[in-house]
Amino acid sequence: MSQPPHTGAAAFFDVDNTVIRGASAYHLARELHRRGFFGVRDILFFARQSVAFMVRGESLTRIARIKARALRIMRGHSVAEIISIGEEVYDEVLDSRVFPATRALIDGHLGAGHEVWLITATPTEISDLIARRLGATGALGTRAASKDGFYTGELDGTMLHGTGKEVAVRALVAERGLDLARCYAYGDSINDAALLSAVGHPVAINPEPRLRLRAAEEGWPVRDFARRRRSMKQDLRTGARSASWAGTVWAVTAVVRAGLRRVRG
């Protein structure tokens, strides 16, 4: 099948709550816990961060805490093992959490001859996998350093978050001969604002309140895929806040059950 011509345009997608409903790394953490990579205190920590993400959105402080904890946990483990586990997590959990409307956007950009890149603080083991499964051009994520195929417990470069996304995209655009004015960007958090401001076609997807306000000020389009999905699955009287608390209860329940099973074992 012939491929569309290169157009000099690209679409840049954040991952969590833009492509994947919720925090993708949380599901990897749950599976690692199940396999004994870390204990109850760690899983409770990640659960609290996931709950905070659902209720209040992203936070630079929260992201830094997650990064430090995760790097310590991964020290000494095999890169190949984590990639294999990530494949299982995608098949069992993440694939069903991809927003159909975002998947359609990605397919539309690819069909128009645009490059499609995931730009995310999510670990590369997850972001690269999601990009491959969705047929995207590639992904830029946070990379944990490794030596001889094993994680060192340090970061390779900087965390791809906030203004770091804009810096990374500008470098990618220059490297690949793209035109920022013809590019698109999609994000859900105020921390995606720098990236959205850098392109000619910014779009806020499922925006947290701060980004929704910024989008209104800038005149950026807003698309609420998460709200649409909930409305199809829940009673029409159930609002977005109720759905968020339902997700919170689910996350806490799952963690408590896992902890009890470990203690009883």
C-alpha atoms as a PDB file:
ATOM      1  CA  MET A   1       0.000   0.000   0.000  1.00  0.00           C
ATOM      2  CA  SER A   2       1.409   3.398  -0.935  1.00  0.00           C
ATOM      3  CA  GLN A   3       2.222   5.824   1.865  1.00  0.00           C
ATOM      4  CA  PRO A   4       1.001   9.452   1.890  1.00  0.00           C
ATOM      5  CA  PRO A   5       3.703  11.988   0.977  1.00  0.00           C
ATOM      6  CA  HIS A   6       5.718  13.730   3.681  1.00  0.00           C
ATOM      7  CA  THR A   7       3.969  17.024   4.407  1.00  0.00           C
ATOM      8  CA  GLY A   8       6.327  18.711   6.848  1.00  0.00           C
ATOM      9  CA  ALA A   9       3.607  18.529   9.515  1.00  0.00           C
ATOM     10  CA  ALA A  10       3.395  16.447  12.672  1.00  0.00           C
ATOM     11  CA  ALA A  11       0.973  15.839  15.524  1.00  0.00           C
ATOM     12  CA  PHE A  12       2.313  15.651  19.082  1.00  0.00           C
ATOM     13  CA  PHE A  13       0.241  13.834  21.695  1.00  0.00           C
ATOM     14  CA  ASP A  14       0.586  13.763  25.463  1.00  0.00           C
ATOM     15  CA  VAL A  15      -0.241  10.256  26.774  1.00  0.00           C
ATOM     16  CA  ASP A  16      -1.955  10.208  30.175  1.00  0.00           C
ATOM     17  CA  ASN A  17      -5.594  11.308  29.931  1.00  0.00           C
ATOM     18  CA  THR A  18      -5.011  12.372  26.318  1.00  0.00           C
ATOM     19  CA  VAL A  19      -4.361   9.036  24.626  1.00  0.00           C
ATOM     20  CA  ILE A  20      -4.809   6.721  27.607  1.00  0.00           C
ATOM     21  CA  ARG A  21      -7.584   7.214  30.156  1.00  0.00           C
ATOM     22  CA  GLY A  22      -5.868   7.802  33.516  1.00  0.00           C
ATOM     23  CA  ALA A  23      -2.206   7.344  34.434  1.00  0.00           C
ATOM     24  CA  SER A  24      -0.589   4.645  32.271  1.00  0.00           C
ATOM     25  CA  ALA A  25       2.446   4.104  34.521  1.00  0.00           C
ATOM     26  CA  TYR A  26       0.148   3.260  37.436  1.00  0.00           C
ATOM     27  CA  HIS A  27      -0.944   0.048  35.711  1.00  0.00           C
ATOM     28  CA  LEU A  28       2.657  -0.935  35.068  1.00  0.00           C
ATOM     29  CA  ALA A  29       3.380  -0.294  38.751  1.00  0.00           C
ATOM     30  CA  ARG A  30       0.489  -2.541  39.813  1.00  0.00           C
ATOM     31  CA  GLU A  31       1.829  -5.394  37.692  1.00  0.00           C
ATOM     32  CA  LEU A  32       5.369  -4.927  38.995  1.00  0.00           C
ATOM     33  CA  HIS A  33       3.990  -5.072  42.529  1.00  0.00           C
ATOM     34  CA  ARG A  34       2.150  -8.294  41.722  1.00  0.00           C
ATOM     35  CA  ARG A  35       5.468  -9.783  40.610  1.00  0.00           C
ATOM     36  CA  GLY A  36       7.228  -8.760  43.803  1.00  0.00           C
ATOM     37  CA  PHE A  37       9.275  -5.833  42.493  1.00  0.00           C
ATOM     38  CA  PHE A  38       8.244  -3.720  45.488  1.00  0.00           C
ATOM     39  CA  GLY A  39       6.118  -3.841  48.615  1.00  0.00           C
ATOM     40  CA  VAL A  40       2.894  -2.545  50.094  1.00  0.00           C
ATOM     41  CA  ARG A  41       4.313   0.842  51.065  1.00  0.00           C
ATOM     42  CA  ASP A  42       5.412   1.477  47.501  1.00  0.00           C
ATOM     43  CA  ILE A  43       2.083   0.501  45.966  1.00  0.00           C
ATOM     44  CA  LEU A  44       0.247   2.698  48.467  1.00  0.00           C
ATOM     45  CA  PHE A  45       2.533   5.551  47.468  1.00  0.00           C
ATOM     46  CA  PHE A  46       1.761   5.078  43.760  1.00  0.00           C
ATOM     47  CA  ALA A  47      -1.944   4.753  44.517  1.00  0.00           C
ATOM     48  CA  ARG A  48      -1.956   8.063  46.389  1.00  0.00           C
ATOM     49  CA  GLN A  49      -0.234   9.720  43.438  1.00  0.00           C
ATOM     50  CA  SER A  50      -2.753   8.202  41.023  1.00  0.00           C
ATOM     51  CA  VAL A  51      -5.670   9.387  43.139  1.00  0.00           C
ATOM     52  CA  ALA A  52      -4.164  12.883  43.308  1.00  0.00           C
ATOM     53  CA  PHE A  53      -3.710  12.827  39.531  1.00  0.00           C
ATOM     54  CA  MET A  54      -7.373  11.949  38.998  1.00  0.00           C
ATOM     55  CA  VAL A  55      -8.665  14.533  41.471  1.00  0.00           C
ATOM     56  CA  ARG A  56      -6.270  17.471  41.014  1.00  0.00           C
ATOM     57  CA  GLY A  57      -4.409  16.824  37.752  1.00  0.00           C
ATOM     58  CA  GLU A  58      -0.666  16.819  37.217  1.00  0.00           C
ATOM     59  CA  SER A  59       1.864  18.420  39.581  1.00  0.00           C
ATOM     60  CA  LEU A  60       5.597  18.911  39.044  1.00  0.00           C
ATOM     61  CA  THR A  61       6.255  17.996  42.674  1.00  0.00           C
ATOM     62  CA  ARG A  62       4.180  14.834  42.375  1.00  0.00           C
ATOM     63  CA  ILE A  63       5.926  13.839  39.160  1.00  0.00           C
ATOM     64  CA  ALA A  64       9.345  14.308  40.798  1.00  0.00           C
ATOM     65  CA  ARG A  65       8.359  12.092  43.730  1.00  0.00           C
ATOM     66  CA  ILE A  66       7.115   9.360  41.419  1.00  0.00           C
ATOM     67  CA  LYS A  67      10.319   9.568  39.377  1.00  0.00           C
ATOM     68  CA  ALA A  68      12.603   9.192  42.379  1.00  0.00           C
ATOM     69  CA  ARG A  69      10.619   6.278  43.822  1.00  0.00           C
ATOM     70  CA  ALA A  70      10.384   4.465  40.495  1.00  0.00           C
ATOM     71  CA  LEU A  71      14.092   4.818  39.708  1.00  0.00           C
ATOM     72  CA  ARG A  72      15.003   3.351  43.074  1.00  0.00           C
ATOM     73  CA  ILE A  73      12.673   0.414  42.504  1.00  0.00           C
ATOM     74  CA  MET A  74      14.026  -0.335  39.031  1.00  0.00           C
ATOM     75  CA  ARG A  75      17.708  -0.393  40.023  1.00  0.00           C
ATOM     76  CA  GLY A  76      19.286  -3.747  39.113  1.00  0.00           C
ATOM     77  CA  HIS A  77      16.339  -5.071  37.121  1.00  0.00           C
ATOM     78  CA  SER A  78      16.589  -6.171  33.497  1.00  0.00           C
ATOM     79  CA  VAL A  79      15.408  -3.804  30.752  1.00  0.00           C
ATOM     80  CA  ALA A  80      14.178  -6.775  28.698  1.00  0.00           C
ATOM     81  CA  GLU A  81      12.049  -7.999  31.593  1.00  0.00           C
ATOM     82  CA  ILE A  82      10.342  -4.626  32.024  1.00  0.00           C
ATOM     83  CA  ILE A  83       9.638  -4.345  28.299  1.00  0.00           C
ATOM     84  CA  SER A  84       8.068  -7.810  28.333  1.00  0.00           C
ATOM     85  CA  ILE A  85       5.894  -6.918  31.323  1.00  0.00           C
ATOM     86  CA  GLY A  86       4.894  -3.683  29.596  1.00  0.00           C
ATOM     87  CA  GLU A  87       3.653  -5.672  26.592  1.00  0.00           C
ATOM     88  CA  GLU A  88       1.414  -7.729  28.876  1.00  0.00           C
ATOM     89  CA  VAL A  89       0.094  -4.627  30.633  1.00  0.00           C
ATOM     90  CA  TYR A  90      -0.780  -3.027  27.308  1.00  0.00           C
ATOM     91  CA  ASP A  91      -2.637  -6.104  26.072  1.00  0.00           C
ATOM     92  CA  GLU A  92      -4.497  -6.694  29.335  1.00  0.00           C
ATOM     93  CA  VAL A  93      -5.243  -3.122  30.423  1.00  0.00           C
ATOM     94  CA  LEU A  94      -4.022  -0.164  28.397  1.00  0.00           C
ATOM     95  CA  ASP A  95      -5.396  -1.111  24.987  1.00  0.00           C
ATOM     96  CA  SER A  96      -8.955  -0.931  26.338  1.00  0.00           C
ATOM     97  CA  ARG A  97      -8.190   2.456  27.932  1.00  0.00           C
ATOM     98  CA  VAL A  98      -7.176   4.198  24.703  1.00  0.00           C
ATOM     99  CA  PHE A  99      -9.774   6.853  23.898  1.00  0.00           C
ATOM    100  CA  PRO A 100     -11.411   5.783  20.606  1.00  0.00           C
ATOM    101  CA  ALA A 101     -11.695   9.423  19.532  1.00  0.00           C
ATOM    102  CA  THR A 102      -7.970   9.993  20.142  1.00  0.00           C
ATOM    103  CA  ARG A 103      -7.150   6.818  18.221  1.00  0.00           C
ATOM    104  CA  ALA A 104      -9.235   8.204  15.349  1.00  0.00           C
ATOM    105  CA  LEU A 105      -7.309  11.499  15.522  1.00  0.00           C
ATOM    106  CA  ILE A 106      -4.006   9.630  15.305  1.00  0.00           C
ATOM    107  CA  ASP A 107      -5.216   7.595  12.333  1.00  0.00           C
ATOM    108  CA  GLY A 108      -6.446  10.768  10.659  1.00  0.00           C
ATOM    109  CA  HIS A 109      -3.074  12.477  11.009  1.00  0.00           C
ATOM    110  CA  LEU A 110      -1.239   9.438   9.690  1.00  0.00           C
ATOM    111  CA  GLY A 111      -3.643   9.234   6.757  1.00  0.00           C
ATOM    112  CA  ALA A 112      -2.954  12.877   5.960  1.00  0.00           C
ATOM    113  CA  GLY A 113       0.784  12.196   5.773  1.00  0.00           C
ATOM    114  CA  HIS A 114       1.595  13.768   9.141  1.00  0.00           C
ATOM    115  CA  GLU A 115       4.144  12.317  11.519  1.00  0.00           C
ATOM    116  CA  VAL A 116       2.649  11.353  14.880  1.00  0.00           C
ATOM    117  CA  TRP A 117       4.738  11.492  18.054  1.00  0.00           C
ATOM    118  CA  LEU A 118       3.876  10.778  21.672  1.00  0.00           C
ATOM    119  CA  ILE A 119       5.528  13.382  23.917  1.00  0.00           C
ATOM    120  CA  THR A 120       5.280  12.335  27.534  1.00  0.00           C
ATOM    121  CA  ALA A 121       6.865  12.009  30.962  1.00  0.00           C
ATOM    122  CA  THR A 122       5.773   8.363  30.840  1.00  0.00           C
ATOM    123  CA  PRO A 123       8.733   5.932  30.834  1.00  0.00           C
ATOM    124  CA  THR A 124       9.981   5.061  27.355  1.00  0.00           C
ATOM    125  CA  GLU A 125       9.235   1.385  27.981  1.00  0.00           C
ATOM    126  CA  ILE A 126       5.541   2.334  27.973  1.00  0.00           C
ATOM    127  CA  SER A 127       5.500   5.304  25.583  1.00  0.00           C
ATOM    128  CA  ASP A 128       7.479   3.453  22.876  1.00  0.00           C
ATOM    129  CA  LEU A 129       5.145   0.479  23.208  1.00  0.00           C
ATOM    130  CA  ILE A 130       1.976   2.596  22.941  1.00  0.00           C
ATOM    131  CA  ALA A 131       3.411   4.373  19.897  1.00  0.00           C
ATOM    132  CA  ARG A 132       4.134   1.067  18.152  1.00  0.00           C
ATOM    133  CA  ARG A 133       0.730  -0.372  18.922  1.00  0.00           C
ATOM    134  CA  LEU A 134      -1.044   2.746  17.633  1.00  0.00           C
ATOM    135  CA  GLY A 135       1.100   2.930  14.507  1.00  0.00           C
ATOM    136  CA  ALA A 136       2.607   6.292  15.480  1.00  0.00           C
ATOM    137  CA  THR A 137       5.900   7.517  14.050  1.00  0.00           C
ATOM    138  CA  GLY A 138       7.583   7.339  17.454  1.00  0.00           C
ATOM    139  CA  ALA A 139       7.657   8.539  21.038  1.00  0.00           C
ATOM    140  CA  LEU A 140       9.768  10.744  23.265  1.00  0.00           C
ATOM    141  CA  GLY A 141       9.498   9.729  26.917  1.00  0.00           C
ATOM    142  CA  THR A 142      11.434   9.698  30.150  1.00  0.00           C
ATOM    143  CA  ARG A 143      14.363   7.299  29.896  1.00  0.00           C
ATOM    144  CA  ALA A 144      15.889   5.401  32.817  1.00  0.00           C
ATOM    145  CA  ALA A 145      19.635   4.843  32.465  1.00  0.00           C
ATOM    146  CA  SER A 146      20.870   1.285  31.996  1.00  0.00           C
ATOM    147  CA  LYS A 147      24.219  -0.485  31.752  1.00  0.00           C
ATOM    148  CA  ASP A 148      24.722  -3.920  30.200  1.00  0.00           C
ATOM    149  CA  GLY A 149      20.941  -4.338  29.965  1.00  0.00           C
ATOM    150  CA  PHE A 150      20.168  -3.489  33.623  1.00  0.00           C
ATOM    151  CA  TYR A 151      18.801  -0.301  35.163  1.00  0.00           C
ATOM    152  CA  THR A 152      21.253   1.800  37.175  1.00  0.00           C
ATOM    153  CA  GLY A 153      18.643   3.679  39.231  1.00  0.00           C
ATOM    154  CA  GLU A 154      19.449   6.973  37.519  1.00  0.00           C
ATOM    155  CA  LEU A 155      17.808   9.052  34.825  1.00  0.00           C
ATOM    156  CA  ASP A 156      19.196   9.212  31.289  1.00  0.00           C
ATOM    157  CA  GLY A 157      18.793  12.912  30.494  1.00  0.00           C
ATOM    158  CA  THR A 158      15.983  14.984  31.945  1.00  0.00           C
ATOM    159  CA  MET A 159      12.367  14.215  32.612  1.00  0.00           C
ATOM    160  CA  LEU A 160      10.170  15.036  29.644  1.00  0.00           C
ATOM    161  CA  HIS A 161       7.636  17.248  31.351  1.00  0.00           C
ATOM    162  CA  GLY A 162       6.374  20.831  31.196  1.00  0.00           C
ATOM    163  CA  THR A 163       8.719  23.060  29.229  1.00  0.00           C
ATOM    164  CA  GLY A 164      10.895  19.991  28.644  1.00  0.00           C
ATOM    165  CA  LYS A 165       8.303  18.797  26.154  1.00  0.00           C
ATOM    166  CA  GLU A 166       8.543  22.021  24.168  1.00  0.00           C
ATOM    167  CA  VAL A 167      12.346  21.848  24.112  1.00  0.00           C
ATOM    168  CA  ALA A 168      12.271  18.234  22.949  1.00  0.00           C
ATOM    169  CA  VAL A 169       9.716  18.949  20.239  1.00  0.00           C
ATOM    170  CA  ARG A 170      11.614  21.939  18.896  1.00  0.00           C
ATOM    171  CA  ALA A 171      14.740  19.782  18.608  1.00  0.00           C
ATOM    172  CA  LEU A 172      12.743  17.025  16.912  1.00  0.00           C
ATOM    173  CA  VAL A 173      11.170  19.486  14.467  1.00  0.00           C
ATOM    174  CA  ALA A 174      14.593  20.835  13.495  1.00  0.00           C
ATOM    175  CA  GLU A 175      16.027  17.343  13.128  1.00  0.00           C
ATOM    176  CA  ARG A 176      13.217  16.074  10.903  1.00  0.00           C
ATOM    177  CA  GLY A 177      12.667  19.197   8.832  1.00  0.00           C
ATOM    178  CA  LEU A 178       9.151  19.879  10.114  1.00  0.00           C
ATOM    179  CA  ASP A 179       7.299  23.188  10.262  1.00  0.00           C
ATOM    180  CA  LEU A 180       5.987  24.101  13.718  1.00  0.00           C
ATOM    181  CA  ALA A 181       3.356  26.395  12.227  1.00  0.00           C
ATOM    182  CA  ARG A 182       1.863  23.386  10.427  1.00  0.00           C
ATOM    183  CA  CYS A 183       2.091  21.077  13.445  1.00  0.00           C
ATOM    184  CA  TYR A 184      -0.600  20.002  15.904  1.00  0.00           C
ATOM    185  CA  ALA A 185      -0.344  19.344  19.641  1.00  0.00           C
ATOM    186  CA  TYR A 186      -2.777  17.660  22.019  1.00  0.00           C
ATOM    187  CA  GLY A 187      -2.632  17.703  25.824  1.00  0.00           C
ATOM    188  CA  ASP A 188      -4.775  17.614  28.959  1.00  0.00           C
ATOM    189  CA  SER A 189      -2.658  19.421  31.572  1.00  0.00           C
ATOM    190  CA  ILE A 190      -1.513  22.960  32.199  1.00  0.00           C
ATOM    191  CA  ASN A 191       1.983  21.450  32.022  1.00  0.00           C
ATOM    192  CA  ASP A 192       1.319  20.858  28.311  1.00  0.00           C
ATOM    193  CA  ALA A 193       0.659  24.572  27.750  1.00  0.00           C
ATOM    194  CA  ALA A 194       4.210  25.349  26.580  1.00  0.00           C
ATOM    195  CA  LEU A 195       4.000  22.639  23.939  1.00  0.00           C
ATOM    196  CA  LEU A 196       0.525  23.732  22.856  1.00  0.00           C
ATOM    197  CA  SER A 197       1.709  27.325  22.527  1.00  0.00           C
ATOM    198  CA  ALA A 198       4.607  26.296  20.295  1.00  0.00           C
ATOM    199  CA  VAL A 199       2.565  24.804  17.442  1.00  0.00           C
ATOM    200  CA  GLY A 200       0.209  26.276  14.901  1.00  0.00           C
ATOM    201  CA  HIS A 201      -2.699  24.001  15.831  1.00  0.00           C
ATOM    202  CA  PRO A 202      -3.048  23.406  19.603  1.00  0.00           C
ATOM    203  CA  VAL A 203      -5.949  21.362  20.991  1.00  0.00           C
ATOM    204  CA  ALA A 204      -6.842  20.708  24.641  1.00  0.00           C
ATOM    205  CA  ILE A 205      -8.166  17.182  25.165  1.00  0.00           C
ATOM    206  CA  ASN A 206      -9.996  16.308  28.406  1.00  0.00           C
ATOM    207  CA  PRO A 207      -8.408  19.416  29.970  1.00  0.00           C
ATOM    208  CA  GLU A 208      -7.964  19.864  33.688  1.00  0.00           C
ATOM    209  CA  PRO A 209      -9.528  23.127  34.993  1.00  0.00           C
ATOM    210  CA  ARG A 210      -6.348  25.204  34.640  1.00  0.00           C
ATOM    211  CA  LEU A 211      -5.786  24.169  31.049  1.00  0.00           C
ATOM    212  CA  ARG A 212      -9.466  24.650  30.250  1.00  0.00           C
ATOM    213  CA  LEU A 213      -9.180  28.233  31.470  1.00  0.00           C
ATOM    214  CA  ARG A 214      -5.974  28.768  29.492  1.00  0.00           C
ATOM    215  CA  ALA A 215      -7.606  27.325  26.377  1.00  0.00           C
ATOM    216  CA  ALA A 216     -10.510  29.743  26.737  1.00  0.00           C
ATOM    217  CA  GLU A 217      -8.086  32.661  27.082  1.00  0.00           C
ATOM    218  CA  GLU A 218      -6.054  31.591  24.037  1.00  0.00           C
ATOM    219  CA  GLY A 219      -8.987  30.479  21.908  1.00  0.00           C
ATOM    220  CA  TRP A 220      -7.715  26.900  21.662  1.00  0.00           C
ATOM    221  CA  PRO A 221     -10.209  24.187  20.676  1.00  0.00           C
ATOM    222  CA  VAL A 222     -11.294  21.864  23.488  1.00  0.00           C
ATOM    223  CA  ARG A 223     -12.390  18.245  23.062  1.00  0.00           C
ATOM    224  CA  ASP A 224     -13.900  16.263  25.932  1.00  0.00           C
ATOM    225  CA  PHE A 225     -13.474  12.614  25.009  1.00  0.00           C
ATOM    226  CA  ALA A 226     -13.470  11.403  28.628  1.00  0.00           C
ATOM    227  CA  ARG A 227     -16.783  13.126  29.371  1.00  0.00           C
ATOM    228  CA  ARG A 228     -18.344  11.634  26.251  1.00  0.00           C
ATOM    229  CA  ARG A 229     -17.198   8.133  27.198  1.00  0.00           C
ATOM    230  CA  ARG A 230     -18.594   8.427  30.718  1.00  0.00           C
ATOM    231  CA  SER A 231     -21.920   9.682  29.440  1.00  0.00           C
ATOM    232  CA  MET A 232     -22.345   6.574  27.305  1.00  0.00           C
ATOM    233  CA  LYS A 233     -21.534   4.188  30.156  1.00  0.00           C
ATOM    234  CA  GLN A 234     -23.215   5.842  33.113  1.00  0.00           C
ATOM    235  CA  ASP A 235     -26.569   7.220  33.971  1.00  0.00           C
ATOM    236  CA  LEU A 236     -27.106  10.695  32.577  1.00  0.00           C
ATOM    237  CA  ARG A 237     -27.471  12.049  36.082  1.00  0.00           C
ATOM    238  CA  THR A 238     -23.913  11.011  37.039  1.00  0.00           C
ATOM    239  CA  GLY A 239     -21.553  13.956  36.721  1.00  0.00           C
ATOM    240  CA  ALA A 240     -17.865  14.118  36.071  1.00  0.00           C
ATOM    241  CA  ARG A 241     -17.057  14.548  39.776  1.00  0.00           C
ATOM    242  CA  SER A 242     -18.888  11.343  40.657  1.00  0.00           C
ATOM    243  CA  ALA A 243     -16.970   9.497  37.972  1.00  0.00           C
ATOM    244  CA  SER A 244     -13.683  10.788  39.374  1.00  0.00           C
ATOM    245  CA  TRP A 245     -14.567   9.606  42.868  1.00  0.00           C
ATOM    246  CA  ALA A 246     -15.606   6.226  41.467  1.00  0.00           C
ATOM    247  CA  GLY A 247     -12.158   5.934  39.937  1.00  0.00           C
ATOM    248  CA  THR A 248     -10.583   6.947  43.226  1.00  0.00           C
ATOM    249  CA  VAL A 249     -12.516   4.322  45.166  1.00  0.00           C
ATOM    250  CA  TRP A 250     -11.535   1.690  42.584  1.00  0.00           C
ATOM    251  CA  ALA A 251      -7.845   2.566  42.859  1.00  0.00           C
ATOM    252  CA  VAL A 252      -7.792   2.572  46.661  1.00  0.00           C
ATOM    253  CA  THR A 253      -9.786  -0.678  46.834  1.00  0.00           C
ATOM    254  CA  ALA A 254      -7.401  -2.417  44.459  1.00  0.00           C
ATOM    255  CA  VAL A 255      -4.393  -1.325  46.475  1.00  0.00           C
ATOM    256  CA  VAL A 256      -5.884  -2.310  49.847  1.00  0.00           C
ATOM    257  CA  ARG A 257      -6.794  -5.741  48.506  1.00  0.00           C
ATOM    258  CA  ALA A 258      -3.296  -6.233  47.138  1.00  0.00           C
ATOM    259  CA  GLY A 259      -1.803  -5.213  50.472  1.00  0.00           C
ATOM    260  CA  LEU A 260      -4.059  -7.553  52.442  1.00  0.00           C
ATOM    261  CA  ARG A 261      -3.201 -10.466  50.151  1.00  0.00           C
ATOM    262  CA  ARG A 262       0.498  -9.793  50.666  1.00  0.00           C
ATOM    263  CA  VAL A 263       0.163  -9.540  54.462  1.00  0.00           C
ATOM    264  CA  ARG A 264      -1.923 -12.712  54.684  1.00  0.00           C
ATOM    265  CA  GLY A 265       0.585 -14.505  52.443  1.00  0.00           C
END
